Amino acid sequence: MTTSESFQVEIKNKFEPAVLNKGIHLVILHCNRIPPHIGLIIDKKFHSLTIKGHEINVSLDALIRNIQQKKIESLFIKIKPHPTFSEEYLKEHFISNIQEFEKVAIDKATCLSPVKSFFDEMFHISKKDINFIFELLSEIEQRNLIENVTSLNINSTMVNIPIYTFKEINNGIELANKEAETIKNTIKQ
């Protein structure tokens, strides 16, 4: 359900790490932030596009440990199994979607870009119609593709994902780049 300022997602089950071992999971990290970070878990590995480049084959243990240590509000949306393709094939396909982009950059690509391509090619959700995560969520919900929703570091059964604009995405990318540069310069000293 969409309100004027947020898109609501209902958390259906308590988080159990083993649930992530099977299937496709749309992952929304910092789900209350504008913009959030988006990736996919497929075949027991996390993959995403970041300002640093490709984040491919990250172990679930490392992802969960990072989420817990940094107290990142995170959603895991399990997508119903693909009727034709194996998880291994889907993982390789999504990795190729990520590799179509160098990195997240203003007016070039966001972390949602490879996810949109994946859902366009594998589930026939036109990427032309999807610009934000709340639009993708609405579409997968309408198509009844959601099997389960769990979360970490969220103490509610309903999560409001903020509705945001391209300007806010670009501001977020710019801020992330500045933070990365500051960290890089601090390490050099």
Protein backbone atom coordinates (compact mmCIF):
# COMPACT_ATOMS: atom_id res chain seq x y z
CA MET A 1 0.00 0.00 0.00
CA THR A 2 1.29 3.46 -0.86
CA THR A 3 0.74 6.62 1.14
CA SER A 4 1.68 10.02 -0.21
CA GLU A 5 5.08 9.91 1.49
CA SER A 6 5.93 6.23 1.83
CA PHE A 7 5.38 2.73 0.52
CA GLN A 8 4.36 0.25 3.21
CA VAL A 9 5.80 -3.24 3.39
CA GLU A 10 4.44 -5.79 5.84
CA ILE A 11 7.00 -7.99 7.58
CA LYS A 12 5.49 -11.46 7.55
CA ASN A 13 7.94 -13.56 9.58
CA LYS A 14 10.67 -13.33 12.19
CA PHE A 15 14.17 -13.23 10.70
CA GLU A 16 15.95 -16.56 10.47
CA PRO A 17 19.31 -16.54 8.61
CA ALA A 18 18.64 -20.00 7.14
CA VAL A 19 15.68 -18.57 5.18
CA LEU A 20 18.17 -16.68 2.98
CA ASN A 21 19.92 -19.90 1.93
CA LYS A 22 17.35 -20.68 -0.72
CA GLY A 23 15.69 -18.57 -3.38
CA ILE A 24 15.89 -15.00 -4.64
CA HIS A 25 15.72 -12.25 -2.05
CA LEU A 26 15.40 -8.58 -2.87
CA VAL A 27 17.47 -6.87 -0.18
CA ILE A 28 16.81 -3.29 0.91
CA LEU A 29 19.55 -2.00 3.21
CA HIS A 30 18.95 1.23 5.15
CA CYS A 31 15.30 0.85 4.13
CA ASN A 32 14.28 4.05 5.93
CA ARG A 33 17.02 6.15 4.33
CA ILE A 34 16.70 8.21 1.16
CA PRO A 35 17.79 6.49 -0.96
CA PRO A 36 18.17 2.96 0.43
CA HIS A 37 20.72 0.49 -0.96
CA ILE A 38 19.35 -2.38 -3.04
CA GLY A 39 20.77 -5.75 -4.03
CA LEU A 40 19.82 -9.37 -4.46
CA ILE A 41 20.65 -12.57 -2.63
CA ILE A 42 20.64 -15.47 -5.06
CA ASP A 43 22.10 -18.92 -4.49
CA LYS A 44 23.35 -17.99 -0.99
CA LYS A 45 25.33 -14.91 -2.12
CA PHE A 46 24.65 -11.16 -2.02
CA HIS A 47 25.26 -9.03 -5.11
CA SER A 48 24.87 -5.30 -5.73
CA LEU A 49 26.19 -2.26 -7.57
CA THR A 50 27.83 0.37 -5.35
CA ILE A 51 29.68 3.68 -5.70
CA LYS A 52 32.89 1.61 -5.53
CA GLY A 53 31.76 -0.79 -8.26
CA HIS A 54 30.63 -4.42 -8.30
CA GLU A 55 29.84 -6.18 -5.04
CA ILE A 56 29.56 -9.81 -6.15
CA ASN A 57 29.36 -13.13 -4.29
CA VAL A 58 29.38 -11.64 -0.78
CA SER A 59 28.78 -14.41 1.74
CA LEU A 60 25.56 -14.32 3.73
CA ASP A 61 27.57 -14.52 6.96
CA ALA A 62 29.53 -11.38 6.04
CA LEU A 63 26.37 -9.52 4.96
CA ILE A 64 24.44 -10.41 8.12
CA ARG A 65 27.41 -9.66 10.38
CA ASN A 66 27.77 -6.20 8.74
CA ILE A 67 24.03 -5.51 9.08
CA GLN A 68 24.06 -6.52 12.75
CA GLN A 69 27.28 -4.67 13.67
CA LYS A 70 26.17 -1.44 11.99
CA LYS A 71 22.51 -1.89 13.05
CA ILE A 72 21.36 -1.39 9.45
CA GLU A 73 17.58 -1.47 9.06
CA SER A 74 17.17 -4.16 6.41
CA LEU A 75 14.37 -5.88 4.54
CA PHE A 76 14.61 -9.27 2.82
CA ILE A 77 11.83 -9.85 0.32
CA LYS A 78 11.74 -13.44 -0.93
CA ILE A 79 10.57 -13.69 -4.52
CA LYS A 80 8.60 -16.75 -5.58
CA PRO A 81 10.73 -19.31 -7.44
CA HIS A 82 11.30 -18.71 -11.13
CA PRO A 83 9.20 -21.21 -13.12
CA THR A 84 12.04 -22.10 -15.51
CA PHE A 85 15.53 -21.16 -14.40
CA SER A 86 17.75 -22.55 -11.62
CA GLU A 87 19.16 -20.33 -8.88
CA GLU A 88 22.66 -20.83 -10.31
CA TYR A 89 21.51 -19.54 -13.71
CA LEU A 90 19.67 -16.61 -12.13
CA LYS A 91 22.74 -15.71 -10.06
CA GLU A 92 25.01 -15.71 -13.11
CA HIS A 93 22.44 -13.67 -15.02
CA PHE A 94 22.20 -11.07 -12.25
CA ILE A 95 25.99 -10.84 -12.03
CA SER A 96 26.04 -10.07 -15.77
CA ASN A 97 23.36 -7.40 -15.13
CA ILE A 98 25.64 -5.79 -12.53
CA GLN A 99 28.62 -5.95 -14.87
CA GLU A 100 26.74 -3.88 -17.45
CA PHE A 101 27.50 -0.89 -15.21
CA GLU A 102 30.87 0.34 -13.94
CA LYS A 103 29.53 1.69 -10.65
CA VAL A 104 26.78 3.82 -9.16
CA ALA A 105 27.16 7.30 -10.60
CA ILE A 106 24.93 10.37 -10.97
CA ASP A 107 22.85 10.22 -14.17
CA LYS A 108 24.45 6.88 -15.14
CA ALA A 109 23.42 4.10 -12.78
CA THR A 110 21.96 3.48 -9.34
CA CYS A 111 22.04 0.31 -7.27
CA LEU A 112 18.54 -0.32 -8.65
CA SER A 113 19.76 -0.33 -12.29
CA PRO A 114 20.93 -3.98 -12.45
CA VAL A 115 17.98 -5.09 -10.31
CA LYS A 116 15.58 -3.46 -12.80
CA SER A 117 17.33 -5.23 -15.70
CA PHE A 118 17.10 -8.55 -13.87
CA PHE A 119 13.37 -8.22 -13.14
CA ASP A 120 12.75 -7.03 -16.70
CA GLU A 121 14.53 -10.00 -18.25
CA MET A 122 13.56 -12.74 -15.77
CA PHE A 123 10.08 -11.69 -14.63
CA HIS A 124 8.95 -9.41 -17.50
CA ILE A 125 8.56 -6.33 -15.31
CA SER A 126 9.37 -3.54 -17.75
CA LYS A 127 12.34 -1.55 -16.49
CA LYS A 128 11.00 1.47 -18.39
CA ASP A 129 8.20 1.64 -15.84
CA ILE A 130 10.48 1.33 -12.78
CA ASN A 131 12.57 4.24 -11.51
CA PHE A 132 12.50 3.68 -7.75
CA ILE A 133 12.41 0.72 -5.37
CA PHE A 134 8.86 1.54 -4.25
CA GLU A 135 7.71 1.22 -7.91
CA LEU A 136 9.40 -2.18 -8.23
CA LEU A 137 7.89 -3.32 -4.93
CA SER A 138 4.45 -2.23 -6.06
CA GLU A 139 4.83 -4.18 -9.30
CA ILE A 140 6.10 -7.40 -7.70
CA GLU A 141 3.32 -7.13 -5.12
CA GLN A 142 0.65 -6.68 -7.84
CA ARG A 143 2.02 -9.70 -9.70
CA ASN A 144 1.90 -11.78 -6.52
CA LEU A 145 5.64 -12.54 -6.69
CA ILE A 146 6.35 -12.01 -2.98
CA GLU A 147 6.67 -15.24 -1.03
CA ASN A 148 7.95 -13.87 2.27
CA VAL A 149 9.24 -10.70 3.95
CA THR A 150 11.64 -10.66 6.89
CA SER A 151 13.80 -7.98 8.44
CA LEU A 152 16.75 -7.20 10.65
CA ASN A 153 16.99 -4.24 13.04
CA ILE A 154 13.35 -3.28 12.55
CA ASN A 155 10.98 -3.43 15.52
CA SER A 156 7.71 -3.21 13.66
CA THR A 157 5.52 -5.39 11.47
CA MET A 158 5.09 -2.55 8.96
CA VAL A 159 7.93 -0.66 7.29
CA ASN A 160 7.44 2.64 5.53
CA ILE A 161 9.87 2.99 2.64
CA PRO A 162 10.16 6.69 1.88
CA ILE A 163 8.98 8.01 -1.48
CA TYR A 164 11.86 10.00 -2.95
CA THR A 165 12.95 11.74 -6.16
CA PHE A 166 15.85 11.51 -8.63
CA LYS A 167 17.30 14.65 -7.07
CA GLU A 168 17.38 12.91 -3.68
CA ILE A 169 19.05 9.85 -5.24
CA ASN A 170 21.71 12.07 -6.81
CA ASN A 171 22.22 13.89 -3.50
CA GLY A 172 22.66 10.50 -1.80
CA ILE A 173 25.20 9.38 -4.41
CA GLU A 174 27.10 12.65 -4.06
CA LEU A 175 27.16 12.34 -0.26
CA ALA A 176 28.33 8.70 -0.45
CA ASN A 177 31.12 9.70 -2.83
CA LYS A 178 32.24 12.48 -0.47
CA GLU A 179 32.21 10.09 2.50
CA ALA A 180 34.22 7.51 0.53
CA GLU A 181 36.74 10.19 -0.47
CA THR A 182 37.06 11.38 3.14
CA ILE A 183 37.69 7.82 4.32
CA LYS A 184 40.23 7.28 1.53
CA ASN A 185 42.08 10.49 2.45
CA THR A 186 42.04 9.59 6.17
CA ILE A 187 43.59 6.19 5.42
CA LYS A 188 46.34 7.83 3.34
CA GLN A 189 47.39 10.06 6.25
